[in-house]
C-alpha atoms as a PDB file:
ATOM      1  CA  MET A   1      12.707   3.923  54.448  1.00  0.00           C
ATOM      2  CA  SER A   2       9.144   4.076  55.719  1.00  0.00           C
ATOM      3  CA  LYS A   3       6.411   1.696  54.588  1.00  0.00           C
ATOM      4  CA  ARG A   4       4.726   4.529  52.683  1.00  0.00           C
ATOM      5  CA  GLU A   5       7.935   5.403  50.855  1.00  0.00           C
ATOM      6  CA  LYS A   6       8.452   1.750  49.980  1.00  0.00           C
ATOM      7  CA  ASN A   7       4.911   1.579  48.507  1.00  0.00           C
ATOM      8  CA  VAL A   8       5.603   4.644  46.377  1.00  0.00           C
ATOM      9  CA  VAL A   9       8.838   3.133  45.072  1.00  0.00           C
ATOM     10  CA  PHE A  10       7.077  -0.175  44.419  1.00  0.00           C
ATOM     11  CA  LYS A  11       4.261   1.550  42.516  1.00  0.00           C
ATOM     12  CA  LYS A  12       6.778   3.459  40.430  1.00  0.00           C
ATOM     13  CA  LEU A  13       8.565   0.206  39.658  1.00  0.00           C
ATOM     14  CA  LEU A  14       5.281  -1.449  38.654  1.00  0.00           C
ATOM     15  CA  GLY A  15       4.429   1.570  36.479  1.00  0.00           C
ATOM     16  CA  ALA A  16       7.791   1.350  34.772  1.00  0.00           C
ATOM     17  CA  LEU A  17       7.069  -2.308  34.070  1.00  0.00           C
ATOM     18  CA  GLY A  18       3.627  -1.450  32.680  1.00  0.00           C
ATOM     19  CA  VAL A  19       1.783  -2.844  35.701  1.00  0.00           C
ATOM     20  CA  GLY A  20      -0.922  -0.485  36.906  1.00  0.00           C
ATOM     21  CA  GLY A  21       0.055   2.015  34.233  1.00  0.00           C
ATOM     22  CA  PRO A  22      -2.246   3.867  31.814  1.00  0.00           C
ATOM     23  CA  SER A  23      -4.295   1.878  29.327  1.00  0.00           C
ATOM     24  CA  VAL A  24      -4.754   3.028  25.750  1.00  0.00           C
ATOM     25  CA  ASP A  25      -7.337   1.816  23.229  1.00  0.00           C
ATOM     26  CA  THR A  26      -7.502   3.158  19.683  1.00  0.00           C
ATOM     27  CA  VAL A  27     -10.920   2.898  18.024  1.00  0.00           C
ATOM     28  CA  LEU A  28     -11.323   3.495  14.283  1.00  0.00           C
ATOM     29  CA  SER A  29     -14.587   5.063  13.098  1.00  0.00           C
ATOM     30  CA  ASN A  30     -14.383   2.824  10.049  1.00  0.00           C
ATOM     31  CA  PRO A  31     -11.377   0.604   9.291  1.00  0.00           C
ATOM     32  CA  SER A  32     -12.139   0.768   5.552  1.00  0.00           C
ATOM     33  CA  THR A  33     -10.651   3.609   3.570  1.00  0.00           C
ATOM     34  CA  TYR A  34      -9.081   4.564   0.215  1.00  0.00           C
ATOM     35  CA  PRO A  35      -5.827   6.125  -0.932  1.00  0.00           C
ATOM     36  CA  GLY A  36      -6.069   9.861  -0.339  1.00  0.00           C
ATOM     37  CA  ALA A  37      -9.117   9.478   1.945  1.00  0.00           C
ATOM     38  CA  PRO A  38      -9.304  10.202   5.690  1.00  0.00           C
ATOM     39  CA  LEU A  39      -9.092   7.548   8.373  1.00  0.00           C
ATOM     40  CA  THR A  40     -10.675   8.804  11.588  1.00  0.00           C
ATOM     41  CA  GLY A  41     -11.158   7.577  15.132  1.00  0.00           C
ATOM     42  CA  GLN A  42     -10.214   8.286  18.701  1.00  0.00           C
ATOM     43  CA  VAL A  43      -7.581   7.248  21.151  1.00  0.00           C
ATOM     44  CA  ASN A  44      -9.120   6.432  24.537  1.00  0.00           C
ATOM     45  CA  VAL A  45      -6.737   6.810  27.468  1.00  0.00           C
ATOM     46  CA  VAL A  46      -7.380   5.772  31.066  1.00  0.00           C
ATOM     47  CA  GLY A  47      -4.946   6.633  33.808  1.00  0.00           C
ATOM     48  CA  GLY A  48      -3.459   3.855  35.889  1.00  0.00           C
ATOM     49  CA  THR A  49      -3.051   3.508  39.630  1.00  0.00           C
ATOM     50  CA  GLN A  50      -0.754   6.519  39.837  1.00  0.00           C
ATOM     51  CA  ASP A  51      -0.105   9.753  38.006  1.00  0.00           C
ATOM     52  CA  ALA A  52       2.026   9.431  34.907  1.00  0.00           C
ATOM     53  CA  ASP A  53       3.951  11.836  32.708  1.00  0.00           C
ATOM     54  CA  VAL A  54       3.108  10.967  29.108  1.00  0.00           C
ATOM     55  CA  GLU A  55       5.731  12.190  26.692  1.00  0.00           C
ATOM     56  CA  HIS A  56       3.710  11.566  23.548  1.00  0.00           C
ATOM     57  CA  ILE A  57       1.027   9.398  21.944  1.00  0.00           C
ATOM     58  CA  THR A  58       1.716   8.675  18.292  1.00  0.00           C
ATOM     59  CA  LEU A  59      -0.142   6.710  15.644  1.00  0.00           C
ATOM     60  CA  GLY A  60       1.687   4.980  12.809  1.00  0.00           C
ATOM     61  CA  LEU A  61       0.506   3.329   9.605  1.00  0.00           C
ATOM     62  CA  VAL A  62       2.393   0.048   9.523  1.00  0.00           C
ATOM     63  CA  THR A  63       2.942  -2.457   6.750  1.00  0.00           C
ATOM     64  CA  ARG A  64       5.296  -5.246   5.763  1.00  0.00           C
ATOM     65  CA  MET A  65       7.608  -4.980   2.791  1.00  0.00           C
ATOM     66  CA  GLU A  66      10.257  -6.990   0.994  1.00  0.00           C
ATOM     67  CA  VAL A  67      13.742  -5.534   1.099  1.00  0.00           C
ATOM     68  CA  GLU A  68      16.859  -6.416  -0.872  1.00  0.00           C
ATOM     69  CA  SER A  69      20.142  -5.430   0.674  1.00  0.00           C
ATOM     70  CA  GLY A  70      23.591  -6.693  -0.162  1.00  0.00           C
ATOM     71  CA  GLY A  71      22.197  -9.478  -2.311  1.00  0.00           C
ATOM     72  CA  ASN A  72      19.934 -10.753   0.479  1.00  0.00           C
ATOM     73  CA  ASP A  73      16.129 -10.573   0.542  1.00  0.00           C
ATOM     74  CA  TYR A  74      14.178 -10.248   3.774  1.00  0.00           C
ATOM     75  CA  SER A  75      10.849  -8.984   5.110  1.00  0.00           C
ATOM     76  CA  ALA A  76      10.749  -5.816   7.209  1.00  0.00           C
ATOM     77  CA  VAL A  77       8.008  -4.035   9.108  1.00  0.00           C
ATOM     78  CA  ALA A  78       7.957  -0.255   9.129  1.00  0.00           C
ATOM     79  CA  ASP A  79       5.809   2.802   9.685  1.00  0.00           C
ATOM     80  CA  PHE A  80       5.240   4.781   6.504  1.00  0.00           C
ATOM     81  CA  PHE A  81       3.137   7.539   8.099  1.00  0.00           C
ATOM     82  CA  ARG A  82       3.185   8.921  11.637  1.00  0.00           C
ATOM     83  CA  LEU A  83       0.825  11.293  13.449  1.00  0.00           C
ATOM     84  CA  THR A  84       1.386  12.592  16.959  1.00  0.00           C
ATOM     85  CA  VAL A  85      -2.033  12.967  18.613  1.00  0.00           C
ATOM     86  CA  SER A  86      -0.742  14.135  21.992  1.00  0.00           C
ATOM     87  CA  GLY A  87       2.382  15.824  23.197  1.00  0.00           C
ATOM     88  CA  PRO A  88       3.659  15.889  26.760  1.00  0.00           C
ATOM     89  CA  MET A  89       0.930  15.805  29.411  1.00  0.00           C
ATOM     90  CA  ARG A  90       0.324  14.816  33.020  1.00  0.00           C
ATOM     91  CA  LEU A  91      -2.177  11.955  33.211  1.00  0.00           C
ATOM     92  CA  ALA A  92      -3.742  11.668  36.673  1.00  0.00           C
ATOM     93  CA  ALA A  93      -4.522   8.298  38.207  1.00  0.00           C
ATOM     94  CA  GLY A  94      -7.840   7.035  36.820  1.00  0.00           C
ATOM     95  CA  GLN A  95      -8.223  10.023  34.481  1.00  0.00           C
ATOM     96  CA  GLN A  96     -10.104   9.318  31.248  1.00  0.00           C
ATOM     97  CA  LEU A  97      -9.338  11.059  27.966  1.00  0.00           C
ATOM     98  CA  SER A  98     -10.652  10.661  24.435  1.00  0.00           C
ATOM     99  CA  ILE A  99      -8.417  12.133  21.747  1.00  0.00           C
ATOM    100  CA  PRO A 100      -9.935  12.365  18.230  1.00  0.00           C
ATOM    101  CA  PHE A 101      -7.660  11.979  15.224  1.00  0.00           C
ATOM    102  CA  ARG A 102      -7.706  12.086  11.452  1.00  0.00           C
ATOM    103  CA  ILE A 103      -5.118  10.442   9.221  1.00  0.00           C
ATOM    104  CA  ASP A 104      -5.151  11.505   5.586  1.00  0.00           C
ATOM    105  CA  MET A 105      -4.051   8.322   3.858  1.00  0.00           C
ATOM    106  CA  PRO A 106      -1.133   8.892   1.480  1.00  0.00           C
ATOM    107  CA  TRP A 107      -2.203   8.691  -2.156  1.00  0.00           C
ATOM    108  CA  GLU A 108       0.367   5.939  -2.742  1.00  0.00           C
ATOM    109  CA  THR A 109      -1.009   3.741   0.070  1.00  0.00           C
ATOM    110  CA  PRO A 110      -1.072   0.116  -1.171  1.00  0.00           C
ATOM    111  CA  ILE A 111      -4.397  -1.611  -1.776  1.00  0.00           C
ATOM    112  CA  THR A 112      -5.196  -4.346   0.746  1.00  0.00           C
ATOM    113  CA  THR A 113      -8.847  -5.181  -0.015  1.00  0.00           C
ATOM    114  CA  VAL A 114     -10.445  -5.915  -3.403  1.00  0.00           C
ATOM    115  CA  TYR A 115     -13.972  -7.156  -4.105  1.00  0.00           C
ATOM    116  CA  GLY A 116     -14.594  -6.970  -0.353  1.00  0.00           C
ATOM    117  CA  GLN A 117     -11.879  -9.489   0.441  1.00  0.00           C
ATOM    118  CA  ASN A 118      -8.353  -9.162   1.727  1.00  0.00           C
ATOM    119  CA  LEU A 119      -5.503  -9.497  -0.725  1.00  0.00           C
ATOM    120  CA  ARG A 120      -3.497 -12.481   0.400  1.00  0.00           C
ATOM    121  CA  GLY A 121      -0.091 -11.372   1.557  1.00  0.00           C
ATOM    122  CA  MET A 122      -1.087  -7.779   2.332  1.00  0.00           C
ATOM    123  CA  VAL A 123      -1.155  -6.596   5.944  1.00  0.00           C
ATOM    124  CA  MET A 124      -1.631  -3.038   7.157  1.00  0.00           C
ATOM    125  CA  GLY A 125      -2.732  -1.422  10.351  1.00  0.00           C
ATOM    126  CA  VAL A 126      -2.612   1.518  12.739  1.00  0.00           C
ATOM    127  CA  ARG A 127      -0.259   1.051  15.653  1.00  0.00           C
ATOM    128  CA  THR A 128      -0.464   3.213  18.771  1.00  0.00           C
ATOM    129  CA  GLU A 129       2.707   4.202  20.567  1.00  0.00           C
ATOM    130  CA  VAL A 130       2.677   5.615  24.085  1.00  0.00           C
ATOM    131  CA  ALA A 131       5.885   7.003  25.558  1.00  0.00           C
ATOM    132  CA  ILE A 132       6.125   7.252  29.350  1.00  0.00           C
ATOM    133  CA  ALA A 133       9.373   7.850  31.190  1.00  0.00           C
ATOM    134  CA  ARG A 134      11.377   7.289  28.001  1.00  0.00           C
ATOM    135  CA  ALA A 135       9.858   3.831  27.565  1.00  0.00           C
ATOM    136  CA  VAL A 136       7.814   3.336  24.403  1.00  0.00           C
ATOM    137  CA  ASP A 137       4.932   0.872  24.365  1.00  0.00           C
ATOM    138  CA  LYS A 138       3.964   0.168  20.757  1.00  0.00           C
ATOM    139  CA  GLY A 139       0.639  -1.302  21.836  1.00  0.00           C
ATOM    140  CA  ASP A 140      -1.848  -3.134  19.677  1.00  0.00           C
ATOM    141  CA  LEU A 141      -2.258  -3.018  15.930  1.00  0.00           C
ATOM    142  CA  ASP A 142      -5.690  -2.146  14.522  1.00  0.00           C
ATOM    143  CA  PRO A 143      -6.242  -3.513  10.992  1.00  0.00           C
ATOM    144  CA  VAL A 144      -6.928  -1.080   8.157  1.00  0.00           C
ATOM    145  CA  HIS A 145      -8.587  -2.119   4.884  1.00  0.00           C
ATOM    146  CA  VAL A 146      -7.564   0.000   1.900  1.00  0.00           C
ATOM    147  CA  HIS A 147      -9.950  -0.323  -1.072  1.00  0.00           C
ATOM    148  CA  PRO A 148      -9.117   0.676  -4.659  1.00  0.00           C
ATOM    149  CA  LEU A 149      -9.963   4.091  -6.017  1.00  0.00           C
ATOM    150  CA  PRO A 150     -12.452   4.052  -8.941  1.00  0.00           C
ATOM    151  CA  ILE A 151      -9.726   4.255 -11.582  1.00  0.00           C
ATOM    152  CA  GLN A 152      -7.748   1.468  -9.907  1.00  0.00           C
ATOM    153  CA  GLN A 153     -10.878  -0.674  -9.616  1.00  0.00           C
ATOM    154  CA  LYS A 154     -11.675  -0.211 -13.312  1.00  0.00           C
ATOM    155  CA  ILE A 155      -8.205  -1.385 -14.316  1.00  0.00           C
ATOM    156  CA  LEU A 156      -8.391  -4.393 -11.972  1.00  0.00           C
ATOM    157  CA  ASP A 157     -11.844  -5.174 -13.426  1.00  0.00           C
ATOM    158  CA  ALA A 158     -10.365  -5.078 -16.921  1.00  0.00           C
ATOM    159  CA  PHE A 159      -7.671  -7.596 -16.034  1.00  0.00           C
ATOM    160  CA  ALA A 160     -10.385  -9.868 -14.584  1.00  0.00           C
ATOM    161  CA  GLN A 161     -12.615  -9.466 -17.655  1.00  0.00           C
ATOM    162  CA  LEU A 162      -9.701 -10.439 -19.874  1.00  0.00           C
ATOM    163  CA  GLY A 163      -9.190 -13.615 -17.860  1.00  0.00           C
ATOM    164  CA  PHE A 164      -6.126 -12.777 -15.819  1.00  0.00           C
ATOM    165  CA  ARG A 165      -5.869 -14.733 -12.552  1.00  0.00           C
ATOM    166  CA  PHE A 166      -4.515 -13.218  -9.373  1.00  0.00           C
ATOM    167  CA  LYS A 167      -1.239 -14.753  -8.234  1.00  0.00           C
ATOM    168  CA  SER A 168       0.036 -12.708  -5.305  1.00  0.00           C
ATOM    169  CA  ALA A 169       0.684  -9.218  -3.991  1.00  0.00           C
ATOM    170  CA  ASP A 170       3.476  -7.722  -1.976  1.00  0.00           C
ATOM    171  CA  ILE A 171       5.245  -4.474  -1.232  1.00  0.00           C
ATOM    172  CA  GLU A 172       8.748  -3.955  -2.548  1.00  0.00           C
ATOM    173  CA  HIS A 173      11.068  -1.489  -0.881  1.00  0.00           C
ATOM    174  CA  GLY A 174      12.654   0.876  -3.394  1.00  0.00           C
ATOM    175  CA  GLN A 175      11.933   3.430  -6.085  1.00  0.00           C
ATOM    176  CA  ILE A 176      10.737   2.988  -9.667  1.00  0.00           C
ATOM    177  CA  TYR A 177      13.044   4.762 -12.070  1.00  0.00           C
ATOM    178  CA  GLY A 178      11.446   7.806 -13.694  1.00  0.00           C
ATOM    179  CA  VAL A 179       8.339   7.764 -11.474  1.00  0.00           C
ATOM    180  CA  HIS A 180       7.842  10.326  -8.723  1.00  0.00           C
ATOM    181  CA  GLN A 181       7.142   8.575  -5.438  1.00  0.00           C
ATOM    182  CA  THR A 182       6.469   9.983  -1.988  1.00  0.00           C
ATOM    183  CA  LEU A 183       6.767   6.627  -0.200  1.00  0.00           C
ATOM    184  CA  PRO A 184       9.902   4.456  -0.052  1.00  0.00           C
ATOM    185  CA  PHE A 185       8.165   1.413  -1.547  1.00  0.00           C
ATOM    186  CA  TYR A 186       5.710   0.296  -4.218  1.00  0.00           C
ATOM    187  CA  GLN A 187       3.099  -2.458  -4.443  1.00  0.00           C
ATOM    188  CA  GLU A 188       3.208  -5.273  -6.977  1.00  0.00           C
ATOM    189  CA  ILE A 189       0.001  -7.145  -7.885  1.00  0.00           C
ATOM    190  CA  GLU A 190       0.875 -10.222  -9.907  1.00  0.00           C
ATOM    191  CA  PHE A 191      -1.328 -12.076 -12.405  1.00  0.00           C
ATOM    192  CA  TYR A 192      -1.177 -15.259 -14.434  1.00  0.00           C
ATOM    193  CA  PRO A 193      -2.147 -14.595 -18.072  1.00  0.00           C
ATOM    194  CA  PRO A 194      -5.191 -16.160 -19.753  1.00  0.00           C
ATOM    195  CA  GLN A 195      -4.808 -18.513 -22.703  1.00  0.00           C
ATOM    196  CA  GLN A 196      -4.885 -15.790 -25.362  1.00  0.00           C
ATOM    197  CA  TYR A 197      -1.707 -14.251 -23.962  1.00  0.00           C
ATOM    198  CA  ALA A 198      -0.031 -17.279 -22.372  1.00  0.00           C
ATOM    199  CA  HIS A 199       2.012 -18.009 -25.491  1.00  0.00           C
ATOM    200  CA  GLY A 200       3.972 -14.824 -24.978  1.00  0.00           C
ATOM    201  CA  ILE A 201       4.103 -14.036 -21.254  1.00  0.00           C
ATOM    202  CA  ASN A 202       4.467 -15.979 -18.024  1.00  0.00           C
ATOM    203  CA  GLU A 203       3.005 -13.356 -15.698  1.00  0.00           C
ATOM    204  CA  VAL A 204       2.255  -9.652 -15.334  1.00  0.00           C
ATOM    205  CA  GLU A 205       3.076  -7.408 -12.393  1.00  0.00           C
ATOM    206  CA  LEU A 206       0.878  -4.326 -11.918  1.00  0.00           C
ATOM    207  CA  THR A 207       1.875  -1.276  -9.879  1.00  0.00           C
ATOM    208  CA  PHE A 208      -0.175   1.840  -9.172  1.00  0.00           C
ATOM    209  CA  VAL A 209       1.657   5.019  -8.201  1.00  0.00           C
ATOM    210  CA  THR A 210      -1.161   7.415  -7.377  1.00  0.00           C
ATOM    211  CA  SER A 211      -1.335  11.187  -7.003  1.00  0.00           C
ATOM    212  CA  PRO A 212      -4.332  13.518  -6.538  1.00  0.00           C
ATOM    213  CA  GLN A 213      -4.436  14.165 -10.294  1.00  0.00           C
ATOM    214  CA  ALA A 214      -3.559  10.866 -11.922  1.00  0.00           C
ATOM    215  CA  VAL A 215      -2.276   7.319 -11.594  1.00  0.00           C
ATOM    216  CA  GLU A 216       0.947   6.013 -13.048  1.00  0.00           C
ATOM    217  CA  VAL A 217       0.306   2.415 -14.135  1.00  0.00           C
ATOM    218  CA  VAL A 218       3.549   0.468 -14.341  1.00  0.00           C
ATOM    219  CA  LEU A 219       3.455  -3.006 -15.875  1.00  0.00           C
ATOM    220  CA  GLU A 220       6.195  -5.590 -15.944  1.00  0.00           C
ATOM    221  CA  PHE A 221       5.710  -8.493 -18.340  1.00  0.00           C
ATOM    222  CA  ASP A 222       7.725 -11.650 -17.821  1.00  0.00           C
ATOM    223  CA  LYS A 223       7.996 -12.752 -21.443  1.00  0.00           C
ATOM    224  CA  ARG A 224       8.493 -16.342 -22.507  1.00  0.00           C
ATOM    225  CA  GLY A 225      11.564 -17.340 -24.459  1.00  0.00           C
ATOM    226  CA  GLY A 226      11.438 -18.910 -27.890  1.00  0.00           C
ATOM    227  CA  LEU A 227      13.284 -21.812 -29.426  1.00  0.00           C
ATOM    228  CA  PHE A 228      16.417 -19.755 -29.981  1.00  0.00           C
ATOM    229  CA  THR A 229      15.833 -16.871 -27.574  1.00  0.00           C
ATOM    230  CA  GLN A 230      15.783 -16.414 -23.848  1.00  0.00           C
ATOM    231  CA  GLY A 231      12.840 -15.001 -21.937  1.00  0.00           C
ATOM    232  CA  HIS A 232      13.078 -11.401 -20.777  1.00  0.00           C
ATOM    233  CA  ASP A 233      11.090  -8.660 -19.081  1.00  0.00           C
ATOM    234  CA  THR A 234       9.215  -5.916 -20.906  1.00  0.00           C
ATOM    235  CA  TYR A 235       8.074  -2.788 -19.122  1.00  0.00           C
ATOM    236  CA  GLY A 236       5.203  -0.400 -19.791  1.00  0.00           C
ATOM    237  CA  ARG A 237       4.312   2.854 -18.084  1.00  0.00           C
ATOM    238  CA  TYR A 238       0.991   4.599 -18.657  1.00  0.00           C
ATOM    239  CA  THR A 239      -0.494   7.779 -17.171  1.00  0.00           C
ATOM    240  CA  VAL A 240      -4.243   7.716 -16.550  1.00  0.00           C
ATOM    241  CA  SER A 241      -6.478  10.399 -15.060  1.00  0.00           C
ATOM    242  CA  HIS A 242      -8.981   9.864 -12.254  1.00  0.00           C
ATOM    243  CA  HIS A 243     -11.526  11.645 -14.474  1.00  0.00           C
ATOM    244  CA  ASP A 244     -11.386   8.839 -17.041  1.00  0.00           C
ATOM    245  CA  ALA A 245     -12.606   6.089 -14.702  1.00  0.00           C
ATOM    246  CA  ASP A 246     -16.176   6.044 -16.039  1.00  0.00           C
ATOM    247  CA  THR A 247     -15.615   7.280 -19.585  1.00  0.00           C
ATOM    248  CA  THR A 248     -13.138   4.737 -20.957  1.00  0.00           C
ATOM    249  CA  ASP A 249     -13.377   1.175 -22.199  1.00  0.00           C
ATOM    250  CA  TRP A 250     -10.709  -0.136 -19.858  1.00  0.00           C
ATOM    251  CA  ARG A 251     -10.938  -3.682 -21.131  1.00  0.00           C
ATOM    252  CA  GLN A 252      -9.894  -2.446 -24.554  1.00  0.00           C
ATOM    253  CA  VAL A 253      -7.174  -0.234 -23.114  1.00  0.00           C
ATOM    254  CA  VAL A 254      -5.651  -2.959 -20.943  1.00  0.00           C
ATOM    255  CA  ASP A 255      -5.832  -5.435 -23.820  1.00  0.00           C
ATOM    256  CA  GLY A 256      -3.913  -2.890 -25.875  1.00  0.00           C
ATOM    257  CA  TRP A 257      -1.273  -2.558 -23.184  1.00  0.00           C
ATOM    258  CA  VAL A 258      -0.742  -6.307 -23.086  1.00  0.00           C
ATOM    259  CA  ARG A 259      -0.670  -6.761 -26.856  1.00  0.00           C
ATOM    260  CA  GLN A 260       1.714  -3.851 -27.145  1.00  0.00           C
ATOM    261  CA  ALA A 261       4.098  -5.652 -24.800  1.00  0.00           C
ATOM    262  CA  LEU A 262       3.774  -8.869 -26.790  1.00  0.00           C
ATOM    263  CA  ASP A 263       4.768  -7.163 -30.008  1.00  0.00           C
ATOM    264  CA  LYS A 264       8.455  -6.253 -30.002  1.00  0.00           C
ATOM    265  CA  ARG A 265       7.854  -3.706 -32.699  1.00  0.00           C
ATOM    266  CA  LYS A 266       5.754  -1.736 -30.223  1.00  0.00           C
ATOM    267  CA  SER A 267       8.571  -1.360 -27.765  1.00  0.00           C
ATOM    268  CA  MET A 268       9.176   2.220 -28.886  1.00  0.00           C
ATOM    269  CA  PRO A 269       7.229   4.976 -27.080  1.00  0.00           C
ATOM    270  CA  GLY A 270       3.921   5.749 -28.736  1.00  0.00           C
ATOM    271  CA  PHE A 271       4.243   3.090 -31.461  1.00  0.00           C
ATOM    272  CA  GLY A 272       0.838   1.879 -32.554  1.00  0.00           C
ATOM    273  CA  ALA A 273      -1.043   3.870 -29.912  1.00  0.00           C
ATOM    274  CA  PRO A 274      -4.690   4.635 -30.741  1.00  0.00           C
ATOM    275  CA  ALA A 275      -5.634   8.178 -31.591  1.00  0.00           C
ATOM    276  CA  GLY A 276      -5.868  10.381 -28.540  1.00  0.00           C
ATOM    277  CA  TYR A 277      -3.420   8.302 -26.524  1.00  0.00           C
ATOM    278  CA  GLY A 278       0.309   8.377 -26.016  1.00  0.00           C
ATOM    279  CA  GLN A 279       0.612  11.287 -23.603  1.00  0.00           C
ATOM    280  CA  PRO A 280       3.845  12.158 -21.863  1.00  0.00           C
ATOM    281  CA  ALA A 281       4.256  11.026 -18.317  1.00  0.00           C
ATOM    282  CA  TYR A 282       2.458  13.215 -15.789  1.00  0.00           C
ATOM    283  CA  GLY A 283       4.772  15.894 -14.507  1.00  0.00           C
ATOM    284  CA  ALA A 284       6.884  16.149 -17.662  1.00  0.00           C
ATOM    285  CA  PRO A 285       7.770  19.703 -18.767  1.00  0.00           C
ATOM    286  CA  GLY A 286       4.692  21.428 -20.160  1.00  0.00           C
ATOM    287  CA  TYR A 287       2.419  18.620 -19.044  1.00  0.00           C
ATOM    288  CA  PRO A 288      -0.402  18.288 -18.147  1.00  0.00           C
ATOM    289  CA  PRO A 289      -1.831  20.645 -20.759  1.00  0.00           C
ATOM    290  CA  PRO A 290      -5.077  22.604 -20.285  1.00  0.00           C
ATOM    291  CA  GLY A 291      -8.027  20.213 -20.163  1.00  0.00           C
ATOM    292  CA  TYR A 292      -5.921  17.359 -18.781  1.00  0.00           C
ATOM    293  CA  GLY A 293      -8.001  14.336 -17.826  1.00  0.00           C
ATOM    294  CA  GLN A 294      -9.958  14.057 -21.090  1.00  0.00           C
ATOM    295  CA  GLN A 295      -7.894  11.164 -22.423  1.00  0.00           C
ATOM    296  CA  PRO A 296      -6.124   8.360 -20.569  1.00  0.00           C
ATOM    297  CA  GLY A 297      -2.429   7.915 -21.203  1.00  0.00           C
ATOM    298  CA  TYR A 298      -1.446   4.954 -23.313  1.00  0.00           C
ATOM    299  CA  GLY A 299       2.081   4.166 -24.198  1.00  0.00           C
ATOM    300  CA  HIS A 300       5.510   4.524 -22.661  1.00  0.00           C
ATOM    301  CA  HIS A 301       8.047   1.750 -22.591  1.00  0.00           C
ATOM    302  CA  GLY A 302      11.374   1.468 -20.900  1.00  0.00           C
ATOM    303  CA  HIS A 303      13.112  -0.253 -18.031  1.00  0.00           C
ATOM    304  CA  TYR A 304      11.625   1.062 -14.845  1.00  0.00           C
ATOM    305  CA  ARG A 305      12.058  -1.460 -12.052  1.00  0.00           C
ATOM    306  CA  GLY A 306      12.713  -5.071 -11.230  1.00  0.00           C
ATOM    307  CA  HIS A 307      13.020  -6.779  -7.859  1.00  0.00           C
ATOM    308  CA  GLY A 308      16.124  -5.001  -6.703  1.00  0.00           C
ATOM    309  CA  ARG A 309      17.336  -4.119 -10.200  1.00  0.00           C
ATOM    310  CA  GLY A 310      16.960  -0.376 -10.689  1.00  0.00           C
ATOM    311  CA  HIS A 311      15.999   0.385  -7.094  1.00  0.00           C
ATOM    312  CA  HIS A 312      17.116   3.743  -5.846  1.00  0.00           C
ATOM    313  CA  GLY A 313      17.064   5.413  -2.462  1.00  0.00           C
ATOM    314  CA  GLY A 314      16.581   4.055   1.022  1.00  0.00           C
ATOM    315  CA  MET A 315      14.372   2.197   3.093  1.00  0.00           C
ATOM    316  CA  GLY A 316      -8.633  -0.040  -2.890  1.00  0.00           C
ATOM    317  CA  GLY A 317     -16.898  -2.782  -6.939  1.00  0.00           C
ATOM    318  CA  MET A 318     -17.435  -4.723  -9.562  1.00  0.00           C
ATOM    319  CA  ALA A 319     -20.235  -7.208 -10.228  1.00  0.00           C
ATOM    320  CA  MET A 320     -19.351 -10.568  -8.740  1.00  0.00           C
ATOM    321  CA  GLY A 321     -19.968 -12.202 -12.078  1.00  0.00           C
ATOM    322  CA  VAL A 322     -16.865 -10.527 -13.467  1.00  0.00           C
ATOM    323  CA  ALA A 323     -14.518 -11.346 -10.613  1.00  0.00           C
ATOM    324  CA  GLY A 324     -13.855 -14.894 -11.797  1.00  0.00           C
ATOM    325  CA  GLY A 325     -10.333 -16.157 -11.372  1.00  0.00           C
ATOM    326  CA  LEU A 326      -9.073 -12.832 -10.048  1.00  0.00           C
ATOM    327  CA  ALA A 327     -11.151 -12.983  -6.877  1.00  0.00           C
ATOM    328  CA  ALA A 328     -10.062 -16.562  -6.287  1.00  0.00           C
ATOM    329  CA  GLY A 329      -6.761 -15.243  -5.046  1.00  0.00           C
ATOM    330  CA  TYR A 330      -8.300 -13.140  -2.278  1.00  0.00           C
ATOM    331  CA  VAL A 331      -8.941 -14.534   1.176  1.00  0.00           C
ATOM    332  CA  ALA A 332     -11.546 -12.841   3.378  1.00  0.00           C
ATOM    333  CA  GLY A 333     -10.450 -12.226   6.943  1.00  0.00           C
ATOM    334  CA  GLU A 334      -7.312 -14.314   6.610  1.00  0.00           C
ATOM    335  CA  ALA A 335      -4.602 -11.685   6.720  1.00  0.00           C
ATOM    336  CA  PHE A 336      -5.329 -10.266  10.151  1.00  0.00           C
ATOM    337  CA  ASP A 337      -6.015 -13.584  11.879  1.00  0.00           C
ATOM    338  CA  GLU A 338      -2.254 -13.907  12.045  1.00  0.00           C
ATOM    339  CA  ILE A 339      -1.258 -10.266  11.828  1.00  0.00           C
ATOM    340  CA  GLY A 340       0.387 -10.224  15.234  1.00  0.00           C
ATOM    341  CA  ASP A 341       2.755 -13.012  14.296  1.00  0.00           C
ATOM    342  CA  ALA A 342       3.309 -11.524  10.861  1.00  0.00           C
ATOM    343  CA  PHE A 343       4.450  -8.188  12.249  1.00  0.00           C
ATOM    344  CA  GLU A 344       6.343  -9.434  15.251  1.00  0.00           C
ATOM    345  CA  GLY A 345       8.199 -11.938  13.105  1.00  0.00           C
ATOM    346  CA  GLY A 346       9.477  -9.211  10.805  1.00  0.00           C
ATOM    347  CA  GLU A 347      10.644  -6.731  13.400  1.00  0.00           C
ATOM    348  CA  GLU A 348      14.006  -6.332  14.896  1.00  0.00           C
END
């Protein structure tokens, strides 16, 4: 073998090992977005020291979730949305490309940022995969900050105004019974109750399942036991329209949801609901009616979910003066300081 042939083989070997190969850098136009909103940017590609056959360049929205399987709980990292920005192409040595992209965030995308600060425990990003010669380089992870939609923000504001304190947030793998989901997981935002409710509940878990028309609000109340009774969970499901964000007294509505859960007599659907409330769940036969969006949904109770119980299927501005104890649970910039370790530690 001649010296030239040896150099070619050596360069191919280095390319296969990622040495002297193409470099890829994904740049987001703005890392902040909302459920249902676009996330745009460009993938900048620079050819390496030799020509390369790129099989594909794919972007994936990545997050970490809690999974229960066979009685065991563990954390897993997975893509929940993928977009191929380039198919097969020949990338010449030193060639420079800029590939624009747009990701329409799924409506059910979990919230990661509230009141301008990261929710502790929530990590999400865009990961770039480049496939060359059947070898996939997953590349770097670019953080994405998902802010609440107006209706979600109003409900979070109401919990804060009522004195609820943020406890934690995570993503649970699974499906909520009776709720249409397009993603294989749901987010839980947990709160400690204020004094006026603490006699009856230990904590509240809030889940938003969002669609273009409405938001399903699912609440799980961990109720305290009495002298002769054991504690138990109470569930509430409420359908609210995006149109009602600025026309409803959400503090009063959320207070009603909580008090309804505290009163066992209000465990039946629609019991004690104020006039104009108590709609069927969105998507039920004959619903929504003409003019939907004029009234927020109020009362549906039943067993919908519960940390592995009832799971089905396979693997986001308010005035700072109102934030109070809720904002105390958010940590600015903390989540992505350790995002590399967080993701690598959860991957197989």
